[in-house]
Amino acid sequence: VSACGKVSTPTSPPVSTDSPNMSPE
C-alpha cells in the first residue's frame, strides 16, 4: 500500500514556443 502511494515520474522541461530559434528568420 505504501509503495502504491505517490510515484514520481521524470518529466522533460517544458518547451518554449516563443523561442527565437523556433521560427525561421
PDB file of all heavy atoms in Angstrom:
ATOM      1  N   VAL A   1       0.835  -1.207   0.000  1.00  0.00           N
ATOM      2  CA  VAL A   1       0.000   0.000   0.000  1.00  0.00           C
ATOM      3  C   VAL A   1       0.867   1.252   0.000  1.00  0.00           C
ATOM      4  O   VAL A   1       0.613   2.197  -0.735  1.00  0.00           O
ATOM      5  CB  VAL A   1      -0.961  -0.014   1.213  1.00  0.00           C
ATOM      6  CG1 VAL A   1      -1.653   1.330   1.371  1.00  0.00           C
ATOM      7  CG2 VAL A   1      -1.983  -1.117   1.062  1.00  0.00           C
ATOM      8  N   SER A   2       1.926   1.270   0.780  1.00  0.00           N
ATOM      9  CA  SER A   2       2.779   2.462   0.820  1.00  0.00           C
ATOM     10  C   SER A   2       3.527   2.653  -0.497  1.00  0.00           C
ATOM     11  O   SER A   2       3.786   3.774  -0.915  1.00  0.00           O
ATOM     12  CB  SER A   2       3.738   2.420   1.996  1.00  0.00           C
ATOM     13  OG  SER A   2       4.682   1.397   1.819  1.00  0.00           O
ATOM     14  N   ALA A   3       3.867   1.584  -1.205  1.00  0.00           N
ATOM     15  CA  ALA A   3       4.574   1.692  -2.485  1.00  0.00           C
ATOM     16  C   ALA A   3       3.655   2.202  -3.580  1.00  0.00           C
ATOM     17  O   ALA A   3       4.096   2.806  -4.548  1.00  0.00           O
ATOM     18  CB  ALA A   3       5.160   0.330  -2.868  1.00  0.00           C
ATOM     19  N   CYS A   4       2.375   1.956  -3.459  1.00  0.00           N
ATOM     20  CA  CYS A   4       1.415   2.395  -4.486  1.00  0.00           C
ATOM     21  C   CYS A   4       1.001   3.838  -4.309  1.00  0.00           C
ATOM     22  O   CYS A   4       0.265   4.369  -5.117  1.00  0.00           O
ATOM     23  CB  CYS A   4       0.165   1.511  -4.437  1.00  0.00           C
ATOM     24  SG  CYS A   4       0.484  -0.164  -4.973  1.00  0.00           S
ATOM     25  N   GLY A   5       1.442   4.454  -3.263  1.00  0.00           N
ATOM     26  CA  GLY A   5       1.049   5.834  -2.990  1.00  0.00           C
ATOM     27  C   GLY A   5       1.468   6.782  -4.082  1.00  0.00           C
ATOM     28  O   GLY A   5       0.922   6.823  -5.160  1.00  0.00           O
ATOM     29  N   LYS A   6       2.487   7.542  -3.859  1.00  0.00           N
ATOM     30  CA  LYS A   6       2.942   8.579  -4.775  1.00  0.00           C
ATOM     31  C   LYS A   6       4.114   8.065  -5.582  1.00  0.00           C
ATOM     32  O   LYS A   6       5.134   7.701  -5.042  1.00  0.00           O
ATOM     33  CB  LYS A   6       3.359   9.806  -3.968  1.00  0.00           C
ATOM     34  CG  LYS A   6       3.633  10.999  -4.798  1.00  0.00           C
ATOM     35  CD  LYS A   6       3.860  12.202  -3.923  1.00  0.00           C
ATOM     36  CE  LYS A   6       4.122  13.398  -4.780  1.00  0.00           C
ATOM     37  NZ  LYS A   6       4.402  14.579  -4.000  1.00  0.00           N
ATOM     38  N   VAL A   7       3.932   7.998  -6.870  1.00  0.00           N
ATOM     39  CA  VAL A   7       5.004   7.555  -7.760  1.00  0.00           C
ATOM     40  C   VAL A   7       5.478   8.773  -8.528  1.00  0.00           C
ATOM     41  O   VAL A   7       4.685   9.484  -9.143  1.00  0.00           O
ATOM     42  CB  VAL A   7       4.496   6.468  -8.738  1.00  0.00           C
ATOM     43  CG1 VAL A   7       5.582   6.085  -9.693  1.00  0.00           C
ATOM     44  CG2 VAL A   7       3.999   5.275  -7.966  1.00  0.00           C
ATOM     45  N   SER A   8       6.742   9.028  -8.519  1.00  0.00           N
ATOM     46  CA  SER A   8       7.313  10.179  -9.216  1.00  0.00           C
ATOM     47  C   SER A   8       7.849   9.733 -10.569  1.00  0.00           C
ATOM     48  O   SER A   8       8.641   8.815 -10.658  1.00  0.00           O
ATOM     49  CB  SER A   8       8.438  10.768  -8.375  1.00  0.00           C
ATOM     50  OG  SER A   8       9.058  11.795  -9.075  1.00  0.00           O
ATOM     51  N   THR A   9       7.371  10.379 -11.617  1.00  0.00           N
ATOM     52  CA  THR A   9       7.856  10.076 -12.961  1.00  0.00           C
ATOM     53  C   THR A   9       8.648  11.262 -13.461  1.00  0.00           C
ATOM     54  O   THR A   9       8.193  12.397 -13.369  1.00  0.00           O
ATOM     55  CB  THR A   9       6.674   9.853 -13.930  1.00  0.00           C
ATOM     56  OG1 THR A   9       5.460   9.929 -13.251  1.00  0.00           O
ATOM     57  CG2 THR A   9       6.798   8.612 -14.708  1.00  0.00           C
ATOM     58  N   PRO A  10       9.826  11.005 -14.008  1.00  0.00           N
ATOM     59  CA  PRO A  10      10.609  12.136 -14.524  1.00  0.00           C
ATOM     60  C   PRO A  10       9.906  12.751 -15.730  1.00  0.00           C
ATOM     61  O   PRO A  10       9.317  12.049 -16.543  1.00  0.00           O
ATOM     62  CB  PRO A  10      11.945  11.499 -14.917  1.00  0.00           C
ATOM     63  CG  PRO A  10      11.703  10.044 -15.014  1.00  0.00           C
ATOM     64  CD  PRO A  10      10.497   9.742 -14.174  1.00  0.00           C
ATOM     65  N   THR A  11       9.956  14.056 -15.834  1.00  0.00           N
ATOM     66  CA  THR A  11       9.354  14.751 -16.968  1.00  0.00           C
ATOM     67  C   THR A  11      10.395  15.640 -17.624  1.00  0.00           C
ATOM     68  O   THR A  11      11.350  16.073 -16.994  1.00  0.00           O
ATOM     69  CB  THR A  11       8.161  15.631 -16.526  1.00  0.00           C
ATOM     70  OG1 THR A  11       8.632  16.573 -15.568  1.00  0.00           O
ATOM     71  CG2 THR A  11       7.042  14.793 -15.926  1.00  0.00           C
ATOM     72  N   SER A  12      10.172  15.914 -18.905  1.00  0.00           N
ATOM     73  CA  SER A  12      11.063  16.822 -19.627  1.00  0.00           C
ATOM     74  C   SER A  12      10.696  18.245 -19.292  1.00  0.00           C
ATOM     75  O   SER A  12       9.540  18.539 -19.000  1.00  0.00           O
ATOM     76  CB  SER A  12      10.905  16.619 -21.141  1.00  0.00           C
ATOM     77  OG  SER A  12      11.221  15.297 -21.471  1.00  0.00           O
ATOM     78  N   PRO A  13      11.652  19.155 -19.355  1.00  0.00           N
ATOM     79  CA  PRO A  13      11.302  20.554 -19.112  1.00  0.00           C
ATOM     80  C   PRO A  13      10.368  21.046 -20.214  1.00  0.00           C
ATOM     81  O   PRO A  13      10.417  20.557 -21.336  1.00  0.00           O
ATOM     82  CB  PRO A  13      12.650  21.279 -19.149  1.00  0.00           C
ATOM     83  CG  PRO A  13      13.580  20.363 -19.847  1.00  0.00           C
ATOM     84  CD  PRO A  13      13.047  18.978 -19.657  1.00  0.00           C
ATOM     85  N   PRO A  14       9.490  21.981 -19.908  1.00  0.00           N
ATOM     86  CA  PRO A  14       8.579  22.484 -20.934  1.00  0.00           C
ATOM     87  C   PRO A  14       9.344  23.165 -22.063  1.00  0.00           C
ATOM     88  O   PRO A  14      10.369  23.793 -21.840  1.00  0.00           O
ATOM     89  CB  PRO A  14       7.681  23.479 -20.191  1.00  0.00           C
ATOM     90  CG  PRO A  14       8.430  23.834 -18.953  1.00  0.00           C
ATOM     91  CD  PRO A  14       9.334  22.665 -18.641  1.00  0.00           C
ATOM     92  N   VAL A  15       8.814  23.021 -23.265  1.00  0.00           N
ATOM     93  CA  VAL A  15       9.435  23.631 -24.435  1.00  0.00           C
ATOM     94  C   VAL A  15       8.762  24.966 -24.676  1.00  0.00           C
ATOM     95  O   VAL A  15       7.543  25.045 -24.777  1.00  0.00           O
ATOM     96  CB  VAL A  15       9.278  22.717 -25.673  1.00  0.00           C
ATOM     97  CG1 VAL A  15       9.852  23.386 -26.906  1.00  0.00           C
ATOM     98  CG2 VAL A  15       9.940  21.386 -25.425  1.00  0.00           C
ATOM     99  N   SER A  16       9.538  26.008 -24.790  1.00  0.00           N
ATOM    100  CA  SER A  16       9.013  27.339 -25.054  1.00  0.00           C
ATOM    101  C   SER A  16       8.763  27.495 -26.543  1.00  0.00           C
ATOM    102  O   SER A  16       9.642  27.277 -27.357  1.00  0.00           O
ATOM    103  CB  SER A  16      10.003  28.388 -24.569  1.00  0.00           C
ATOM    104  OG  SER A  16       9.599  29.661 -24.969  1.00  0.00           O
ATOM    105  N   THR A  17       7.538  27.896 -26.898  1.00  0.00           N
ATOM    106  CA  THR A  17       7.221  28.080 -28.318  1.00  0.00           C
ATOM    107  C   THR A  17       7.566  29.475 -28.807  1.00  0.00           C
ATOM    108  O   THR A  17       7.528  29.735 -29.999  1.00  0.00           O
ATOM    109  CB  THR A  17       5.730  27.824 -28.574  1.00  0.00           C
ATOM    110  OG1 THR A  17       4.970  28.672 -27.715  1.00  0.00           O
ATOM    111  CG2 THR A  17       5.376  26.373 -28.331  1.00  0.00           C
ATOM    112  N   ASP A  18       7.888  30.386 -27.885  1.00  0.00           N
ATOM    113  CA  ASP A  18       8.232  31.739 -28.333  1.00  0.00           C
ATOM    114  C   ASP A  18       9.735  31.951 -28.376  1.00  0.00           C
ATOM    115  O   ASP A  18      10.214  33.064 -28.388  1.00  0.00           O
ATOM    116  CB  ASP A  18       7.542  32.798 -27.467  1.00  0.00           C
ATOM    117  CG  ASP A  18       7.836  32.620 -25.978  1.00  0.00           C
ATOM    118  OD1 ASP A  18       8.613  31.728 -25.613  1.00  0.00           O
ATOM    119  OD2 ASP A  18       7.283  33.391 -25.204  1.00  0.00           O
ATOM    120  N   SER A  19      10.479  30.868 -28.443  1.00  0.00           N
ATOM    121  CA  SER A  19      11.929  30.957 -28.563  1.00  0.00           C
ATOM    122  C   SER A  19      12.292  31.474 -29.951  1.00  0.00           C
ATOM    123  O   SER A  19      11.686  31.080 -30.936  1.00  0.00           O
ATOM    124  CB  SER A  19      12.536  29.566 -28.347  1.00  0.00           C
ATOM    125  OG  SER A  19      13.875  29.555 -28.748  1.00  0.00           O
ATOM    126  N   PRO A  20      13.275  32.338 -30.063  1.00  0.00           N
ATOM    127  CA  PRO A  20      13.638  32.866 -31.375  1.00  0.00           C
ATOM    128  C   PRO A  20      14.155  31.783 -32.314  1.00  0.00           C
ATOM    129  O   PRO A  20      14.143  31.957 -33.517  1.00  0.00           O
ATOM    130  CB  PRO A  20      14.718  33.912 -31.080  1.00  0.00           C
ATOM    131  CG  PRO A  20      15.189  33.619 -29.703  1.00  0.00           C
ATOM    132  CD  PRO A  20      14.093  32.898 -28.997  1.00  0.00           C
ATOM    133  N   ASN A  21      14.593  30.656 -31.796  1.00  0.00           N
ATOM    134  CA  ASN A  21      15.097  29.591 -32.655  1.00  0.00           C
ATOM    135  C   ASN A  21      13.988  28.716 -33.212  1.00  0.00           C
ATOM    136  O   ASN A  21      14.234  27.845 -34.029  1.00  0.00           O
ATOM    137  CB  ASN A  21      16.089  28.714 -31.879  1.00  0.00           C
ATOM    138  CG  ASN A  21      17.307  29.511 -31.463  1.00  0.00           C
ATOM    139  OD1 ASN A  21      17.674  30.476 -32.131  1.00  0.00           O
ATOM    140  ND2 ASN A  21      17.921  29.134 -30.361  1.00  0.00           N
ATOM    141  N   MET A  22      12.756  28.908 -32.781  1.00  0.00           N
ATOM    142  CA  MET A  22      11.662  28.045 -33.206  1.00  0.00           C
ATOM    143  C   MET A  22      11.113  28.436 -34.583  1.00  0.00           C
ATOM    144  O   MET A  22      10.556  27.629 -35.266  1.00  0.00           O
ATOM    145  CB  MET A  22      10.513  28.086 -32.184  1.00  0.00           C
ATOM    146  CG  MET A  22      10.884  27.488 -30.842  1.00  0.00           C
ATOM    147  SD  MET A  22      11.379  25.772 -30.932  1.00  0.00           S
ATOM    148  CE  MET A  22       9.797  25.004 -31.174  1.00  0.00           C
ATOM    149  N   SER A  23      11.212  29.681 -34.987  1.00  0.00           N
ATOM    150  CA  SER A  23      10.687  30.082 -36.287  1.00  0.00           C
ATOM    151  C   SER A  23      11.826  30.586 -37.158  1.00  0.00           C
ATOM    152  O   SER A  23      12.747  31.220 -36.665  1.00  0.00           O
ATOM    153  CB  SER A  23       9.619  31.173 -36.120  1.00  0.00           C
ATOM    154  OG  SER A  23      10.196  32.300 -35.519  1.00  0.00           O
ATOM    155  N   PRO A  24      11.742  30.300 -38.472  1.00  0.00           N
ATOM    156  CA  PRO A  24      12.826  30.733 -39.341  1.00  0.00           C
ATOM    157  C   PRO A  24      12.851  32.250 -39.486  1.00  0.00           C
ATOM    158  O   PRO A  24      11.830  32.907 -39.384  1.00  0.00           O
ATOM    159  CB  PRO A  24      12.497  30.063 -40.678  1.00  0.00           C
ATOM    160  CG  PRO A  24      11.033  29.790 -40.626  1.00  0.00           C
ATOM    161  CD  PRO A  24      10.693  29.608 -39.170  1.00  0.00           C
ATOM    162  N   GLU A  25      14.042  32.760 -39.701  1.00  0.00           N
ATOM    163  CA  GLU A  25      14.188  34.189 -39.938  1.00  0.00           C
ATOM    164  C   GLU A  25      13.531  34.542 -41.273  1.00  0.00           C
ATOM    165  O   GLU A  25      13.619  33.774 -42.228  1.00  0.00           O
ATOM    166  CB  GLU A  25      15.680  34.555 -40.013  1.00  0.00           C
ATOM    167  CG  GLU A  25      16.379  34.497 -38.684  1.00  0.00           C
ATOM    168  CD  GLU A  25      15.917  35.567 -37.735  1.00  0.00           C
ATOM    169  OE1 GLU A  25      15.725  36.725 -38.165  1.00  0.00           O
ATOM    170  OE2 GLU A  25      15.715  35.252 -36.561  1.00  0.00           O
TER     171      GLU A  25
END
